[in-house]
Amino acid sequence: MIINLHGFTGHGTNSKYDWLKANLPEREIFAPDLNYAATPPEEILSFLAERVSSYLATSPPDSPKLGILASSLGGFFGRCLNLLFPTVRTVLINPALTPFILLRDQLDCRAYLALFARLTFTDDDLPLELNQLRVIIGEQDELLDHERLTRPLLPPNFNHVQVIQGGVHRLQLTPEVGALLMSFLA
C-alpha cells in the first residue's frame, strides 16, 4: 500500500494519486481527503498512524512494502509518520514542515506547534540507517524557503534531498521526479 497525502487545499485523488495508479497499478493507494483547517492535527495523525499500524500488523511478510508519498502540508504529516515509523519508506515533496508559521492564519497554530515539538525531538534517538526518508524539493518553490524551513528540520547528517532544477511548489511529475519515486516506492 502507498499512502498519498495531499497539500492544504488539495484532495486525495490528485495528480500524484493519478501517477501512482498509472505507474504502480499493482499497489493499493490510500488517498484520504483531509480537512486540515477543520480537524485537529493530533486527530489527523492518529487516523493516519492507525492506518499504518493496521497495515503493518496485517500484511503478510511477502506483501509489497508500505510507502508514504506526501506533499506540502501533507508532508508535515508524512514527516510525523516517518518519525513514528522510521522504517516505512517515505517521500516528501516540497514539505511544509512548519505550518504553524506558513499557515498561521488558517490553522490552529498552537496545536500544530505542539505536535511538531513533541515529535521532532525523537530524531536524535533514531539511528540514521533506519530512516527511510527521502525529500524532493523544487529549486524555485515560490511558497517555501527550503533552506530555512525544511533542511534544518531534517535529521542530523541527512543527505537524501533531491533538488529539482526549475521545480516550483506544485511540482510536476516529470520523468526525473517519476524515476525518483519509482526507485524508492516501487
N, C-alpha and C. Protein backbone atom coordinates (compact mmCIF):
# COMPACT_ATOMS: atom_id res chain seq x y z
N MET A 1 0.84 -1.18 0.00
CA MET A 1 0.00 0.00 0.00
C MET A 1 0.89 1.24 0.00
N ILE A 2 0.42 2.27 -0.68
CA ILE A 2 1.06 3.58 -0.63
C ILE A 2 0.03 4.57 -0.14
N ILE A 3 0.42 5.34 0.86
CA ILE A 3 -0.43 6.40 1.39
C ILE A 3 -0.03 7.69 0.70
N ASN A 4 -1.00 8.35 0.07
CA ASN A 4 -0.77 9.60 -0.64
C ASN A 4 -1.43 10.74 0.15
N LEU A 5 -0.61 11.66 0.64
CA LEU A 5 -1.12 12.77 1.46
C LEU A 5 -0.99 14.08 0.69
N HIS A 6 -2.11 14.74 0.52
CA HIS A 6 -2.18 15.97 -0.28
C HIS A 6 -1.84 17.21 0.54
N GLY A 7 -1.74 18.33 -0.15
CA GLY A 7 -1.45 19.61 0.48
C GLY A 7 -2.68 20.27 1.07
N PHE A 8 -2.50 21.49 1.54
CA PHE A 8 -3.51 22.22 2.32
C PHE A 8 -4.87 22.33 1.62
N THR A 9 -4.90 22.74 0.39
CA THR A 9 -6.19 22.90 -0.31
C THR A 9 -6.44 21.78 -1.31
N GLY A 10 -5.65 20.73 -1.23
CA GLY A 10 -5.77 19.63 -2.18
C GLY A 10 -6.79 18.59 -1.78
N HIS A 11 -6.72 17.47 -2.46
CA HIS A 11 -7.60 16.33 -2.17
C HIS A 11 -6.83 15.05 -2.48
N GLY A 12 -7.33 13.95 -1.98
CA GLY A 12 -6.63 12.68 -2.09
C GLY A 12 -6.39 12.22 -3.51
N THR A 13 -7.37 12.39 -4.36
CA THR A 13 -7.22 11.93 -5.74
C THR A 13 -6.66 13.08 -6.59
N ASN A 14 -5.39 13.37 -6.35
CA ASN A 14 -4.70 14.46 -7.03
C ASN A 14 -3.79 13.91 -8.12
N SER A 15 -2.94 14.75 -8.67
CA SER A 15 -2.06 14.30 -9.77
C SER A 15 -1.09 13.21 -9.31
N LYS A 16 -0.67 13.24 -8.06
CA LYS A 16 0.23 12.19 -7.56
C LYS A 16 -0.52 10.87 -7.43
N TYR A 17 -1.77 10.93 -7.02
CA TYR A 17 -2.61 9.74 -6.98
C TYR A 17 -2.73 9.14 -8.38
N ASP A 18 -3.03 9.99 -9.36
CA ASP A 18 -3.14 9.51 -10.75
C ASP A 18 -1.83 8.89 -11.21
N TRP A 19 -0.71 9.51 -10.86
CA TRP A 19 0.59 8.98 -11.25
C TRP A 19 0.83 7.61 -10.60
N LEU A 20 0.51 7.50 -9.31
CA LEU A 20 0.69 6.23 -8.60
C LEU A 20 -0.16 5.13 -9.23
N LYS A 21 -1.42 5.44 -9.53
CA LYS A 21 -2.31 4.45 -10.14
C LYS A 21 -1.79 4.00 -11.51
N ALA A 22 -1.25 4.93 -12.28
CA ALA A 22 -0.77 4.60 -13.62
C ALA A 22 0.57 3.85 -13.58
N ASN A 23 1.43 4.18 -12.64
CA ASN A 23 2.77 3.63 -12.64
C ASN A 23 2.99 2.47 -11.67
N LEU A 24 2.13 2.34 -10.69
CA LEU A 24 2.21 1.23 -9.73
C LEU A 24 0.82 0.60 -9.59
N PRO A 25 0.27 0.08 -10.70
CA PRO A 25 -1.12 -0.38 -10.69
C PRO A 25 -1.37 -1.56 -9.75
N GLU A 26 -0.32 -2.30 -9.40
CA GLU A 26 -0.50 -3.45 -8.52
C GLU A 26 -0.59 -3.05 -7.05
N ARG A 27 -0.30 -1.80 -6.73
CA ARG A 27 -0.29 -1.35 -5.35
C ARG A 27 -1.62 -0.71 -4.98
N GLU A 28 -2.07 -0.98 -3.77
CA GLU A 28 -3.24 -0.29 -3.23
C GLU A 28 -2.81 1.13 -2.88
N ILE A 29 -3.64 2.11 -3.24
CA ILE A 29 -3.35 3.51 -2.92
C ILE A 29 -4.41 3.99 -1.94
N PHE A 30 -3.95 4.46 -0.79
CA PHE A 30 -4.85 5.06 0.20
C PHE A 30 -4.62 6.56 0.13
N ALA A 31 -5.63 7.29 -0.32
CA ALA A 31 -5.51 8.73 -0.54
C ALA A 31 -6.68 9.46 0.10
N PRO A 32 -6.63 9.65 1.41
CA PRO A 32 -7.76 10.28 2.09
C PRO A 32 -7.87 11.77 1.78
N ASP A 33 -9.10 12.26 1.78
CA ASP A 33 -9.33 13.70 1.72
C ASP A 33 -9.26 14.21 3.15
N LEU A 34 -8.28 15.04 3.42
CA LEU A 34 -8.07 15.54 4.79
C LEU A 34 -8.45 17.01 4.86
N ASN A 35 -9.22 17.36 5.88
CA ASN A 35 -9.61 18.75 6.09
C ASN A 35 -8.69 19.33 7.17
N TYR A 36 -7.56 19.83 6.74
CA TYR A 36 -6.54 20.30 7.68
C TYR A 36 -7.01 21.46 8.55
N ALA A 37 -7.83 22.33 8.00
CA ALA A 37 -8.26 23.51 8.75
C ALA A 37 -9.30 23.18 9.82
N ALA A 38 -10.12 22.17 9.57
CA ALA A 38 -11.22 21.86 10.50
C ALA A 38 -10.92 20.72 11.46
N THR A 39 -9.88 19.95 11.19
CA THR A 39 -9.58 18.78 12.01
C THR A 39 -8.29 19.01 12.79
N PRO A 40 -8.31 18.77 14.11
CA PRO A 40 -7.08 18.95 14.89
C PRO A 40 -5.97 18.05 14.36
N PRO A 41 -4.74 18.56 14.33
CA PRO A 41 -3.64 17.77 13.77
C PRO A 41 -3.39 16.45 14.51
N GLU A 42 -3.60 16.42 15.81
CA GLU A 42 -3.44 15.15 16.55
C GLU A 42 -4.44 14.11 16.06
N GLU A 43 -5.64 14.56 15.72
CA GLU A 43 -6.67 13.64 15.21
C GLU A 43 -6.28 13.11 13.82
N ILE A 44 -5.76 13.99 12.98
CA ILE A 44 -5.30 13.55 11.64
C ILE A 44 -4.17 12.54 11.80
N LEU A 45 -3.20 12.88 12.64
CA LEU A 45 -2.06 11.97 12.81
C LEU A 45 -2.50 10.64 13.40
N SER A 46 -3.40 10.67 14.35
CA SER A 46 -3.90 9.43 14.95
C SER A 46 -4.59 8.56 13.90
N PHE A 47 -5.41 9.17 13.07
CA PHE A 47 -6.10 8.45 11.99
C PHE A 47 -5.09 7.80 11.05
N LEU A 48 -4.08 8.56 10.63
CA LEU A 48 -3.07 8.04 9.70
C LEU A 48 -2.20 6.98 10.35
N ALA A 49 -1.80 7.22 11.59
CA ALA A 49 -0.95 6.25 12.30
C ALA A 49 -1.68 4.93 12.51
N GLU A 50 -2.97 4.99 12.77
CA GLU A 50 -3.77 3.77 12.91
C GLU A 50 -3.78 3.00 11.60
N ARG A 51 -3.89 3.70 10.50
CA ARG A 51 -3.90 3.04 9.19
C ARG A 51 -2.55 2.35 8.92
N VAL A 52 -1.45 3.05 9.25
CA VAL A 52 -0.12 2.47 9.08
C VAL A 52 0.04 1.26 9.98
N SER A 53 -0.31 1.39 11.24
CA SER A 53 -0.18 0.28 12.20
C SER A 53 -0.99 -0.92 11.75
N SER A 54 -2.21 -0.68 11.30
CA SER A 54 -3.08 -1.76 10.84
C SER A 54 -2.47 -2.48 9.65
N TYR A 55 -1.96 -1.72 8.69
CA TYR A 55 -1.35 -2.34 7.51
C TYR A 55 -0.14 -3.17 7.92
N LEU A 56 0.72 -2.61 8.75
CA LEU A 56 1.93 -3.33 9.16
C LEU A 56 1.60 -4.60 9.94
N ALA A 57 0.53 -4.55 10.73
CA ALA A 57 0.16 -5.70 11.56
C ALA A 57 -0.52 -6.81 10.76
N THR A 58 -1.19 -6.45 9.67
CA THR A 58 -1.99 -7.45 8.96
C THR A 58 -1.44 -7.87 7.62
N SER A 59 -0.42 -7.22 7.13
CA SER A 59 0.09 -7.59 5.81
C SER A 59 1.03 -8.78 5.92
N PRO A 60 0.91 -9.73 5.00
CA PRO A 60 1.81 -10.90 5.01
C PRO A 60 3.25 -10.46 4.74
N PRO A 61 4.21 -11.25 5.19
CA PRO A 61 5.63 -10.88 5.02
C PRO A 61 6.05 -10.68 3.57
N ASP A 62 5.40 -11.37 2.63
CA ASP A 62 5.80 -11.25 1.23
C ASP A 62 5.03 -10.17 0.48
N SER A 63 4.19 -9.39 1.17
CA SER A 63 3.43 -8.33 0.51
C SER A 63 4.33 -7.13 0.23
N PRO A 64 3.94 -6.29 -0.73
CA PRO A 64 4.74 -5.09 -1.02
C PRO A 64 4.85 -4.21 0.23
N LYS A 65 5.97 -3.56 0.33
CA LYS A 65 6.19 -2.70 1.48
C LYS A 65 5.24 -1.51 1.46
N LEU A 66 5.00 -0.99 2.64
CA LEU A 66 4.21 0.23 2.79
C LEU A 66 5.06 1.42 2.38
N GLY A 67 4.46 2.38 1.71
CA GLY A 67 5.14 3.61 1.34
C GLY A 67 4.26 4.80 1.61
N ILE A 68 4.88 5.94 1.81
CA ILE A 68 4.15 7.19 2.03
C ILE A 68 4.68 8.20 1.03
N LEU A 69 3.77 8.86 0.32
CA LEU A 69 4.10 9.96 -0.58
C LEU A 69 3.29 11.16 -0.10
N ALA A 70 3.98 12.21 0.32
CA ALA A 70 3.29 13.33 0.94
C ALA A 70 3.82 14.65 0.39
N SER A 71 2.90 15.55 0.09
CA SER A 71 3.26 16.84 -0.50
C SER A 71 2.78 18.00 0.37
N SER A 72 3.59 19.04 0.40
CA SER A 72 3.26 20.31 1.04
C SER A 72 2.80 20.08 2.49
N LEU A 73 1.59 20.49 2.85
CA LEU A 73 1.14 20.27 4.23
C LEU A 73 1.01 18.78 4.53
N GLY A 74 0.69 17.99 3.54
CA GLY A 74 0.71 16.54 3.73
C GLY A 74 2.10 16.07 4.12
N GLY A 75 3.12 16.80 3.68
CA GLY A 75 4.50 16.49 4.05
C GLY A 75 4.76 16.64 5.53
N PHE A 76 4.05 17.54 6.18
CA PHE A 76 4.15 17.66 7.64
C PHE A 76 3.71 16.35 8.28
N PHE A 77 2.58 15.83 7.84
CA PHE A 77 2.07 14.57 8.41
C PHE A 77 2.90 13.37 7.94
N GLY A 78 3.41 13.44 6.71
CA GLY A 78 4.31 12.39 6.25
C GLY A 78 5.56 12.33 7.12
N ARG A 79 6.08 13.49 7.48
CA ARG A 79 7.26 13.52 8.36
C ARG A 79 6.91 13.02 9.76
N CYS A 80 5.74 13.37 10.26
CA CYS A 80 5.31 12.85 11.56
C CYS A 80 5.23 11.33 11.52
N LEU A 81 4.65 10.79 10.47
CA LEU A 81 4.56 9.33 10.34
C LEU A 81 5.95 8.72 10.22
N ASN A 82 6.85 9.39 9.52
CA ASN A 82 8.23 8.91 9.40
C ASN A 82 8.92 8.86 10.75
N LEU A 83 8.62 9.80 11.62
CA LEU A 83 9.20 9.78 12.96
C LEU A 83 8.63 8.64 13.80
N LEU A 84 7.35 8.36 13.61
CA LEU A 84 6.71 7.27 14.35
C LEU A 84 7.05 5.90 13.78
N PHE A 85 7.23 5.82 12.47
CA PHE A 85 7.50 4.56 11.77
C PHE A 85 8.72 4.76 10.86
N PRO A 86 9.92 4.86 11.42
CA PRO A 86 11.10 5.23 10.62
C PRO A 86 11.51 4.21 9.56
N THR A 87 11.01 3.00 9.63
CA THR A 87 11.40 2.01 8.62
C THR A 87 10.44 1.98 7.43
N VAL A 88 9.38 2.79 7.46
CA VAL A 88 8.45 2.88 6.34
C VAL A 88 9.01 3.87 5.33
N ARG A 89 9.09 3.44 4.09
CA ARG A 89 9.61 4.31 3.03
C ARG A 89 8.70 5.53 2.88
N THR A 90 9.32 6.71 2.99
CA THR A 90 8.57 7.96 2.99
C THR A 90 9.23 8.95 2.04
N VAL A 91 8.43 9.51 1.13
CA VAL A 91 8.91 10.54 0.23
C VAL A 91 8.10 11.80 0.48
N LEU A 92 8.81 12.88 0.77
CA LEU A 92 8.17 14.18 0.98
C LEU A 92 8.50 15.06 -0.22
N ILE A 93 7.48 15.66 -0.80
CA ILE A 93 7.68 16.57 -1.92
C ILE A 93 7.32 17.98 -1.44
N ASN A 94 8.29 18.88 -1.49
CA ASN A 94 8.10 20.26 -1.03
C ASN A 94 7.32 20.29 0.29
N PRO A 95 7.86 19.62 1.32
CA PRO A 95 7.10 19.52 2.57
C PRO A 95 7.01 20.85 3.32
N ALA A 96 5.83 21.15 3.82
CA ALA A 96 5.60 22.32 4.67
C ALA A 96 5.76 21.85 6.12
N LEU A 97 7.00 21.77 6.57
CA LEU A 97 7.28 21.24 7.91
C LEU A 97 6.97 22.22 9.02
N THR A 98 6.71 23.47 8.67
CA THR A 98 6.39 24.49 9.68
C THR A 98 5.05 25.16 9.38
N PRO A 99 3.96 24.40 9.36
CA PRO A 99 2.67 25.00 9.03
C PRO A 99 2.23 26.04 10.07
N PHE A 100 2.75 25.94 11.27
CA PHE A 100 2.41 26.91 12.32
C PHE A 100 3.01 28.28 12.01
N ILE A 101 3.94 28.35 11.07
CA ILE A 101 4.47 29.63 10.59
C ILE A 101 3.80 29.99 9.27
N LEU A 102 3.81 29.05 8.34
CA LEU A 102 3.35 29.32 6.98
C LEU A 102 1.85 29.55 6.86
N LEU A 103 1.07 28.85 7.66
CA LEU A 103 -0.40 28.92 7.55
C LEU A 103 -1.03 29.40 8.86
N ARG A 104 -0.32 30.29 9.54
CA ARG A 104 -0.77 30.69 10.88
C ARG A 104 -2.16 31.33 10.90
N ASP A 105 -2.61 31.89 9.78
CA ASP A 105 -3.94 32.49 9.74
C ASP A 105 -5.04 31.49 9.39
N GLN A 106 -4.65 30.28 8.96
CA GLN A 106 -5.65 29.32 8.51
C GLN A 106 -5.72 28.05 9.35
N LEU A 107 -4.76 27.84 10.25
CA LEU A 107 -4.72 26.62 11.05
C LEU A 107 -4.64 26.95 12.53
N ASP A 108 -4.90 25.96 13.35
CA ASP A 108 -4.69 26.08 14.79
C ASP A 108 -3.19 25.92 15.05
N CYS A 109 -2.49 27.04 15.00
CA CYS A 109 -1.02 27.02 15.05
C CYS A 109 -0.49 26.39 16.32
N ARG A 110 -1.14 26.62 17.43
CA ARG A 110 -0.64 26.05 18.69
C ARG A 110 -0.70 24.53 18.66
N ALA A 111 -1.77 23.99 18.11
CA ALA A 111 -1.89 22.53 18.03
C ALA A 111 -0.83 21.94 17.10
N TYR A 112 -0.58 22.60 15.98
CA TYR A 112 0.46 22.12 15.07
C TYR A 112 1.84 22.25 15.70
N LEU A 113 2.09 23.35 16.37
CA LEU A 113 3.39 23.54 17.03
C LEU A 113 3.60 22.50 18.13
N ALA A 114 2.56 22.22 18.90
CA ALA A 114 2.67 21.22 19.97
C ALA A 114 3.00 19.83 19.40
N LEU A 115 2.33 19.47 18.32
CA LEU A 115 2.59 18.18 17.69
C LEU A 115 4.02 18.14 17.13
N PHE A 116 4.41 19.20 16.47
CA PHE A 116 5.75 19.30 15.91
C PHE A 116 6.81 19.16 17.00
N ALA A 117 6.63 19.88 18.09
CA ALA A 117 7.62 19.85 19.18
C ALA A 117 7.67 18.47 19.83
N ARG A 118 6.54 17.83 19.99
CA ARG A 118 6.50 16.52 20.63
C ARG A 118 7.25 15.48 19.80
N LEU A 119 7.14 15.56 18.49
CA LEU A 119 7.71 14.52 17.65
C LEU A 119 9.13 14.79 17.16
N THR A 120 9.46 16.02 16.84
CA THR A 120 10.75 16.25 16.18
C THR A 120 11.94 15.94 17.05
N PHE A 121 11.81 15.99 18.33
CA PHE A 121 12.96 15.71 19.17
C PHE A 121 13.28 14.22 19.25
N THR A 122 12.41 13.38 18.68
CA THR A 122 12.72 11.96 18.64
C THR A 122 13.78 11.65 17.58
N ASP A 123 14.02 12.58 16.68
CA ASP A 123 15.03 12.39 15.63
C ASP A 123 16.38 11.99 16.18
N ASP A 124 16.80 12.61 17.27
CA ASP A 124 18.12 12.34 17.82
C ASP A 124 18.26 10.90 18.31
N ASP A 125 17.15 10.24 18.58
CA ASP A 125 17.16 8.87 19.09
C ASP A 125 17.11 7.82 17.98
N LEU A 126 16.90 8.25 16.74
CA LEU A 126 16.76 7.30 15.64
C LEU A 126 18.09 7.08 14.95
N PRO A 127 18.50 5.82 14.81
CA PRO A 127 19.70 5.55 14.01
C PRO A 127 19.45 5.97 12.56
N LEU A 128 20.36 6.74 12.01
CA LEU A 128 20.17 7.29 10.67
C LEU A 128 19.94 6.20 9.62
N GLU A 129 20.56 5.04 9.79
CA GLU A 129 20.41 3.99 8.78
C GLU A 129 19.01 3.38 8.78
N LEU A 130 18.25 3.54 9.86
CA LEU A 130 16.87 3.04 9.88
C LEU A 130 15.93 3.95 9.12
N ASN A 131 16.28 5.22 9.04
CA ASN A 131 15.37 6.20 8.48
C ASN A 131 15.22 6.02 6.98
N GLN A 132 14.00 5.76 6.56
CA GLN A 132 13.68 5.53 5.15
C GLN A 132 13.04 6.77 4.53
N LEU A 133 13.60 7.92 4.82
CA LEU A 133 13.05 9.20 4.37
C LEU A 133 13.81 9.71 3.15
N ARG A 134 13.06 10.22 2.18
CA ARG A 134 13.62 10.92 1.04
C ARG A 134 12.83 12.22 0.86
N VAL A 135 13.51 13.27 0.45
CA VAL A 135 12.87 14.57 0.27
C VAL A 135 13.19 15.09 -1.12
N ILE A 136 12.15 15.54 -1.81
CA ILE A 136 12.28 16.14 -3.14
C ILE A 136 11.79 17.58 -3.03
N ILE A 137 12.64 18.52 -3.43
CA ILE A 137 12.23 19.92 -3.36
C ILE A 137 12.45 20.59 -4.70
N GLY A 138 11.55 21.51 -5.00
CA GLY A 138 11.67 22.30 -6.21
C GLY A 138 12.61 23.47 -5.97
N GLU A 139 13.55 23.63 -6.85
CA GLU A 139 14.55 24.69 -6.71
C GLU A 139 13.88 26.07 -6.67
N GLN A 140 12.77 26.25 -7.37
CA GLN A 140 12.10 27.54 -7.45
C GLN A 140 10.77 27.53 -6.73
N ASP A 141 10.68 26.78 -5.63
CA ASP A 141 9.44 26.74 -4.84
C ASP A 141 9.11 28.16 -4.39
N GLU A 142 7.99 28.65 -4.85
CA GLU A 142 7.60 30.03 -4.57
C GLU A 142 6.92 30.20 -3.21
N LEU A 143 6.56 29.11 -2.55
CA LEU A 143 5.88 29.18 -1.26
C LEU A 143 6.77 28.87 -0.06
N LEU A 144 7.78 28.04 -0.26
CA LEU A 144 8.60 27.58 0.86
C LEU A 144 10.07 27.91 0.65
N ASP A 145 10.69 28.43 1.67
CA ASP A 145 12.14 28.64 1.67
C ASP A 145 12.75 27.38 2.30
N HIS A 146 13.13 26.44 1.47
CA HIS A 146 13.60 25.14 1.97
C HIS A 146 14.92 25.23 2.72
N GLU A 147 15.73 26.22 2.41
CA GLU A 147 16.99 26.36 3.15
C GLU A 147 16.74 26.76 4.60
N ARG A 148 15.69 27.52 4.84
CA ARG A 148 15.36 27.96 6.21
C ARG A 148 14.33 27.08 6.89
N LEU A 149 13.35 26.57 6.13
CA LEU A 149 12.20 25.92 6.75
C LEU A 149 12.10 24.41 6.52
N THR A 150 13.02 23.85 5.76
CA THR A 150 12.98 22.39 5.52
C THR A 150 14.28 21.74 5.97
N ARG A 151 15.37 22.10 5.34
CA ARG A 151 16.64 21.42 5.62
C ARG A 151 17.01 21.41 7.10
N PRO A 152 16.86 22.52 7.84
CA PRO A 152 17.24 22.47 9.27
C PRO A 152 16.37 21.54 10.12
N LEU A 153 15.22 21.13 9.60
CA LEU A 153 14.31 20.29 10.37
C LEU A 153 14.41 18.81 9.99
N LEU A 154 15.35 18.48 9.16
CA LEU A 154 15.58 17.09 8.78
C LEU A 154 16.61 16.49 9.73
N PRO A 155 16.73 15.16 9.75
CA PRO A 155 17.65 14.52 10.69
C PRO A 155 19.08 15.04 10.54
N PRO A 156 19.84 15.01 11.62
CA PRO A 156 21.25 15.40 11.53
C PRO A 156 21.98 14.53 10.50
N ASN A 157 22.85 15.14 9.74
CA ASN A 157 23.64 14.45 8.70
C ASN A 157 22.77 13.82 7.61
N PHE A 158 21.57 14.32 7.42
CA PHE A 158 20.66 13.79 6.40
C PHE A 158 21.13 14.23 5.02
N ASN A 159 21.27 13.29 4.10
CA ASN A 159 21.75 13.65 2.77
C ASN A 159 20.88 13.06 1.65
N HIS A 160 19.60 12.87 1.92
CA HIS A 160 18.69 12.30 0.92
C HIS A 160 17.71 13.35 0.42
N VAL A 161 18.23 14.50 0.04
CA VAL A 161 17.42 15.57 -0.53
C VAL A 161 17.76 15.69 -2.01
N GLN A 162 16.75 15.63 -2.85
CA GLN A 162 16.93 15.79 -4.28
C GLN A 162 16.30 17.12 -4.69
N VAL A 163 17.08 18.00 -5.27
CA VAL A 163 16.59 19.29 -5.74
C VAL A 163 16.27 19.17 -7.22
N ILE A 164 15.06 19.56 -7.58
CA ILE A 164 14.62 19.51 -8.97
C ILE A 164 14.80 20.91 -9.57
N GLN A 165 15.73 21.01 -10.50
CA GLN A 165 16.01 22.30 -11.14
C GLN A 165 14.75 22.84 -11.82
N GLY A 166 14.42 24.08 -11.53
CA GLY A 166 13.25 24.72 -12.11
C GLY A 166 11.94 24.31 -11.48
N GLY A 167 11.97 23.37 -10.53
CA GLY A 167 10.73 22.90 -9.90
C GLY A 167 10.10 23.95 -9.02
N VAL A 168 8.78 24.06 -9.09
CA VAL A 168 8.02 25.00 -8.27
C VAL A 168 7.26 24.22 -7.20
N HIS A 169 6.44 24.91 -6.40
CA HIS A 169 5.77 24.24 -5.29
C HIS A 169 4.88 23.10 -5.75
N ARG A 170 4.05 23.34 -6.72
CA ARG A 170 3.21 22.26 -7.27
C ARG A 170 4.04 21.50 -8.30
N LEU A 171 4.97 20.74 -7.79
CA LEU A 171 5.98 20.06 -8.59
C LEU A 171 5.33 19.12 -9.60
N GLN A 172 5.69 19.28 -10.85
CA GLN A 172 5.19 18.41 -11.91
C GLN A 172 5.87 17.05 -11.81
N LEU A 173 5.14 16.02 -12.11
CA LEU A 173 5.70 14.67 -12.08
C LEU A 173 6.38 14.38 -13.42
N THR A 174 7.51 15.02 -13.59
CA THR A 174 8.33 14.86 -14.80
C THR A 174 8.96 13.47 -14.79
N PRO A 175 9.55 13.05 -15.89
CA PRO A 175 10.26 11.76 -15.87
C PRO A 175 11.33 11.70 -14.78
N GLU A 176 12.01 12.83 -14.51
CA GLU A 176 13.03 12.84 -13.45
C GLU A 176 12.40 12.55 -12.08
N VAL A 177 11.30 13.23 -11.78
CA VAL A 177 10.63 13.02 -10.49
C VAL A 177 10.04 11.61 -10.44
N GLY A 178 9.44 11.18 -11.54
CA GLY A 178 8.87 9.83 -11.61
C GLY A 178 9.93 8.77 -11.35
N ALA A 179 11.11 8.94 -11.92
CA ALA A 179 12.19 7.97 -11.71
C ALA A 179 12.60 7.93 -10.24
N LEU A 180 12.63 9.08 -9.59
CA LEU A 180 12.96 9.11 -8.16
C LEU A 180 11.90 8.37 -7.35
N LEU A 181 10.64 8.61 -7.67
CA LEU A 181 9.55 7.94 -6.95
C LEU A 181 9.60 6.43 -7.18
N MET A 182 9.81 6.03 -8.42
CA MET A 182 9.87 4.60 -8.74
C MET A 182 11.03 3.91 -8.03
N SER A 183 12.16 4.60 -7.98
CA SER A 183 13.33 3.98 -7.36
C SER A 183 13.15 3.74 -5.87
N PHE A 184 12.29 4.51 -5.26
CA PHE A 184 12.15 4.37 -3.81
C PHE A 184 10.85 3.71 -3.40
N LEU A 185 9.76 3.93 -4.13
CA LEU A 185 8.46 3.38 -3.72
C LEU A 185 8.11 2.06 -4.39
N ALA A 186 8.70 1.78 -5.55
CA ALA A 186 8.31 0.57 -6.29
C ALA A 186 8.82 -0.69 -5.60
